[in-house]
């Protein structure tokens, strides 16, 4: 596995642990629909489902990790979220968050950006 893939998996694991510590229940990880993926689907209250994109970098030299969530990624994520909600017959609000992870041998920083974007 390529180093960047390994870093991404580490970041996703750190993000999941972070959410659990904050009281979220992880419903699904790496949910795929066609070419779209949602890294983490979580829930803290029965009224809201949280779709989480995790971005992990080992340096902020080129920008914060969350800056790399592109409009095309958002479009795909919304498509996958729609499929998840419909196929599971969920009647709850949907929120889209980003968890930005900066991880290297000297630093480990996690930033949770709630309501990072809207689906309309």
C-alpha atoms as a PDB file:
ATOM      1  CA  UNK A   1       0.000   0.000   0.000  1.00  0.00           C
ATOM      2  CA  UNK A   2       1.276   3.465  -0.855  1.00  0.00           C
ATOM      3  CA  UNK A   3       2.413   5.668   2.010  1.00  0.00           C
ATOM      4  CA  UNK A   4      -0.335   8.247   1.375  1.00  0.00           C
ATOM      5  CA  UNK A   5      -2.958   5.468   1.537  1.00  0.00           C
ATOM      6  CA  UNK A   6      -1.546   4.297   4.855  1.00  0.00           C
ATOM      7  CA  UNK A   7      -1.631   7.860   6.195  1.00  0.00           C
ATOM      8  CA  UNK A   8      -5.239   8.190   5.050  1.00  0.00           C
ATOM      9  CA  UNK A   9      -6.242   4.992   6.881  1.00  0.00           C
ATOM     10  CA  UNK A  10      -4.457   6.203  10.024  1.00  0.00           C
ATOM     11  CA  UNK A  11      -6.295   9.517   9.749  1.00  0.00           C
ATOM     12  CA  UNK A  12      -9.653   7.791   9.367  1.00  0.00           C
ATOM     13  CA  UNK A  13      -8.986   5.659  12.436  1.00  0.00           C
ATOM     14  CA  UNK A  14      -7.962   8.735  14.481  1.00  0.00           C
ATOM     15  CA  UNK A  15     -11.103  10.544  13.299  1.00  0.00           C
ATOM     16  CA  UNK A  16     -13.347   7.615  14.257  1.00  0.00           C
ATOM     17  CA  UNK A  17     -11.762   7.416  17.715  1.00  0.00           C
ATOM     18  CA  UNK A  18     -12.172  11.194  18.089  1.00  0.00           C
ATOM     19  CA  UNK A  19     -15.883  10.980  17.236  1.00  0.00           C
ATOM     20  CA  UNK A  20     -16.466   8.091  19.656  1.00  0.00           C
ATOM     21  CA  UNK A  21     -14.774  10.089  22.449  1.00  0.00           C
ATOM     22  CA  UNK A  22     -17.164  12.975  21.628  1.00  0.00           C
ATOM     23  CA  UNK A  23     -20.191  10.708  22.047  1.00  0.00           C
ATOM     24  CA  UNK A  24     -20.899   9.753  18.435  1.00  0.00           C
ATOM     25  CA  UNK A  25     -21.870   6.251  17.371  1.00  0.00           C
ATOM     26  CA  UNK A  26     -20.127   5.101  14.198  1.00  0.00           C
ATOM     27  CA  UNK A  27     -22.791   3.651  11.898  1.00  0.00           C
ATOM     28  CA  UNK A  28     -20.617   2.926   8.882  1.00  0.00           C
ATOM     29  CA  UNK A  29     -17.082   3.416   7.610  1.00  0.00           C
ATOM     30  CA  UNK A  30     -16.047   3.706   3.981  1.00  0.00           C
ATOM     31  CA  UNK A  31     -19.568   3.624   2.560  1.00  0.00           C
ATOM     32  CA  UNK A  32     -19.439   3.385  -1.237  1.00  0.00           C
ATOM     33  CA  UNK A  33     -22.077   4.145  -3.828  1.00  0.00           C
ATOM     34  CA  UNK A  34     -20.930   3.939  -7.422  1.00  0.00           C
ATOM     35  CA  UNK A  35     -17.794   6.150  -7.502  1.00  0.00           C
ATOM     36  CA  UNK A  36     -18.703   8.033  -4.347  1.00  0.00           C
ATOM     37  CA  UNK A  37     -17.425   7.361  -0.836  1.00  0.00           C
ATOM     38  CA  UNK A  38     -18.234   8.610   2.628  1.00  0.00           C
ATOM     39  CA  UNK A  39     -15.392   8.006   5.071  1.00  0.00           C
ATOM     40  CA  UNK A  40     -17.514   7.896   8.235  1.00  0.00           C
ATOM     41  CA  UNK A  41     -21.250   7.944   8.876  1.00  0.00           C
ATOM     42  CA  UNK A  42     -22.011   8.730  12.498  1.00  0.00           C
ATOM     43  CA  UNK A  43     -24.856   9.684  14.791  1.00  0.00           C
ATOM     44  CA  UNK A  44     -24.956  11.548  18.082  1.00  0.00           C
ATOM     45  CA  UNK A  45     -28.697  12.163  18.324  1.00  0.00           C
ATOM     46  CA  UNK A  46     -31.618  10.317  16.761  1.00  0.00           C
ATOM     47  CA  UNK A  47     -32.560  13.445  14.810  1.00  0.00           C
ATOM     48  CA  UNK A  48     -29.314  13.847  12.880  1.00  0.00           C
ATOM     49  CA  UNK A  49     -26.971  11.713  10.780  1.00  0.00           C
ATOM     50  CA  UNK A  50     -23.459  13.038  10.229  1.00  0.00           C
ATOM     51  CA  UNK A  51     -21.574  12.343   7.005  1.00  0.00           C
ATOM     52  CA  UNK A  52     -17.859  12.872   7.596  1.00  0.00           C
ATOM     53  CA  UNK A  53     -15.078  13.444   5.087  1.00  0.00           C
ATOM     54  CA  UNK A  54     -11.668  12.830   6.634  1.00  0.00           C
ATOM     55  CA  UNK A  55      -8.668  14.623   5.153  1.00  0.00           C
ATOM     56  CA  UNK A  56      -5.249  13.675   6.445  1.00  0.00           C
ATOM     57  CA  UNK A  57      -1.939  15.335   5.680  1.00  0.00           C
ATOM     58  CA  UNK A  58       1.519  15.032   7.170  1.00  0.00           C
ATOM     59  CA  UNK A  59       2.237  18.740   6.642  1.00  0.00           C
ATOM     60  CA  UNK A  60       0.251  21.959   6.324  1.00  0.00           C
ATOM     61  CA  UNK A  61       2.874  23.358   3.930  1.00  0.00           C
ATOM     62  CA  UNK A  62       0.464  23.292   0.973  1.00  0.00           C
ATOM     63  CA  UNK A  63      -2.575  24.243   3.063  1.00  0.00           C
ATOM     64  CA  UNK A  64      -4.809  22.869   5.747  1.00  0.00           C
ATOM     65  CA  UNK A  65      -6.183  19.378   5.060  1.00  0.00           C
ATOM     66  CA  UNK A  66      -9.775  20.637   4.773  1.00  0.00           C
ATOM     67  CA  UNK A  67      -8.765  22.887   1.875  1.00  0.00           C
ATOM     68  CA  UNK A  68      -8.442  19.742  -0.246  1.00  0.00           C
ATOM     69  CA  UNK A  69     -12.157  18.901  -0.173  1.00  0.00           C
ATOM     70  CA  UNK A  70     -13.088  19.793  -3.740  1.00  0.00           C
ATOM     71  CA  UNK A  71     -16.511  20.680  -5.173  1.00  0.00           C
ATOM     72  CA  UNK A  72     -16.484  17.406  -7.132  1.00  0.00           C
ATOM     73  CA  UNK A  73     -15.795  15.470  -3.899  1.00  0.00           C
ATOM     74  CA  UNK A  74     -18.687  17.279  -2.228  1.00  0.00           C
ATOM     75  CA  UNK A  75     -20.998  16.389  -5.121  1.00  0.00           C
ATOM     76  CA  UNK A  76     -20.043  12.708  -4.904  1.00  0.00           C
ATOM     77  CA  UNK A  77     -20.394  12.673  -1.133  1.00  0.00           C
ATOM     78  CA  UNK A  78     -23.901  14.161  -1.337  1.00  0.00           C
ATOM     79  CA  UNK A  79     -24.826  11.505  -3.910  1.00  0.00           C
ATOM     80  CA  UNK A  80     -23.625   8.708  -1.617  1.00  0.00           C
ATOM     81  CA  UNK A  81     -25.357  10.279   1.401  1.00  0.00           C
ATOM     82  CA  UNK A  82     -28.628  10.425  -0.507  1.00  0.00           C
ATOM     83  CA  UNK A  83     -28.337   6.733  -1.377  1.00  0.00           C
ATOM     84  CA  UNK A  84     -27.513   5.806   2.239  1.00  0.00           C
ATOM     85  CA  UNK A  85     -30.503   7.742   3.605  1.00  0.00           C
ATOM     86  CA  UNK A  86     -32.945   6.326   1.045  1.00  0.00           C
ATOM     87  CA  UNK A  87     -31.740   2.716   1.169  1.00  0.00           C
ATOM     88  CA  UNK A  88     -31.800   2.680   4.975  1.00  0.00           C
ATOM     89  CA  UNK A  89     -35.155   4.533   5.194  1.00  0.00           C
ATOM     90  CA  UNK A  90     -33.719   7.124   7.568  1.00  0.00           C
ATOM     91  CA  UNK A  91     -35.928  10.041   8.585  1.00  0.00           C
ATOM     92  CA  UNK A  92     -33.327  12.337  10.112  1.00  0.00           C
ATOM     93  CA  UNK A  93     -31.540  15.517   9.190  1.00  0.00           C
ATOM     94  CA  UNK A  94     -28.176  15.117   7.456  1.00  0.00           C
ATOM     95  CA  UNK A  95     -25.103  17.132   8.355  1.00  0.00           C
ATOM     96  CA  UNK A  96     -21.822  17.173   6.453  1.00  0.00           C
ATOM     97  CA  UNK A  97     -18.643  17.549   8.501  1.00  0.00           C
ATOM     98  CA  UNK A  98     -14.947  17.491   7.728  1.00  0.00           C
ATOM     99  CA  UNK A  99     -12.370  16.120  10.109  1.00  0.00           C
ATOM    100  CA  UNK A 100      -8.928  17.449   9.248  1.00  0.00           C
ATOM    101  CA  UNK A 101      -6.023  15.412  10.589  1.00  0.00           C
ATOM    102  CA  UNK A 102      -2.447  16.647  10.599  1.00  0.00           C
ATOM    103  CA  UNK A 103      -0.218  13.717  11.569  1.00  0.00           C
ATOM    104  CA  UNK A 104       3.541  13.358  11.458  1.00  0.00           C
ATOM    105  CA  UNK A 105       6.257  12.244  13.864  1.00  0.00           C
ATOM    106  CA  UNK A 106       6.199  15.604  15.683  1.00  0.00           C
ATOM    107  CA  UNK A 107       2.548  16.503  15.661  1.00  0.00           C
ATOM    108  CA  UNK A 108      -0.954  15.052  15.766  1.00  0.00           C
ATOM    109  CA  UNK A 109      -3.767  17.557  15.378  1.00  0.00           C
ATOM    110  CA  UNK A 110      -7.456  16.897  14.752  1.00  0.00           C
ATOM    111  CA  UNK A 111      -9.897  19.628  13.767  1.00  0.00           C
ATOM    112  CA  UNK A 112     -13.626  18.895  13.522  1.00  0.00           C
ATOM    113  CA  UNK A 113     -15.441  21.272  11.178  1.00  0.00           C
ATOM    114  CA  UNK A 114     -19.160  20.850  11.717  1.00  0.00           C
ATOM    115  CA  UNK A 115     -21.579  21.846   8.936  1.00  0.00           C
ATOM    116  CA  UNK A 116     -18.613  22.180   6.606  1.00  0.00           C
ATOM    117  CA  UNK A 117     -20.898  22.411   3.584  1.00  0.00           C
ATOM    118  CA  UNK A 118     -24.531  22.123   2.643  1.00  0.00           C
ATOM    119  CA  UNK A 119     -26.078  19.680   0.209  1.00  0.00           C
ATOM    120  CA  UNK A 120     -28.139  22.155  -1.802  1.00  0.00           C
END
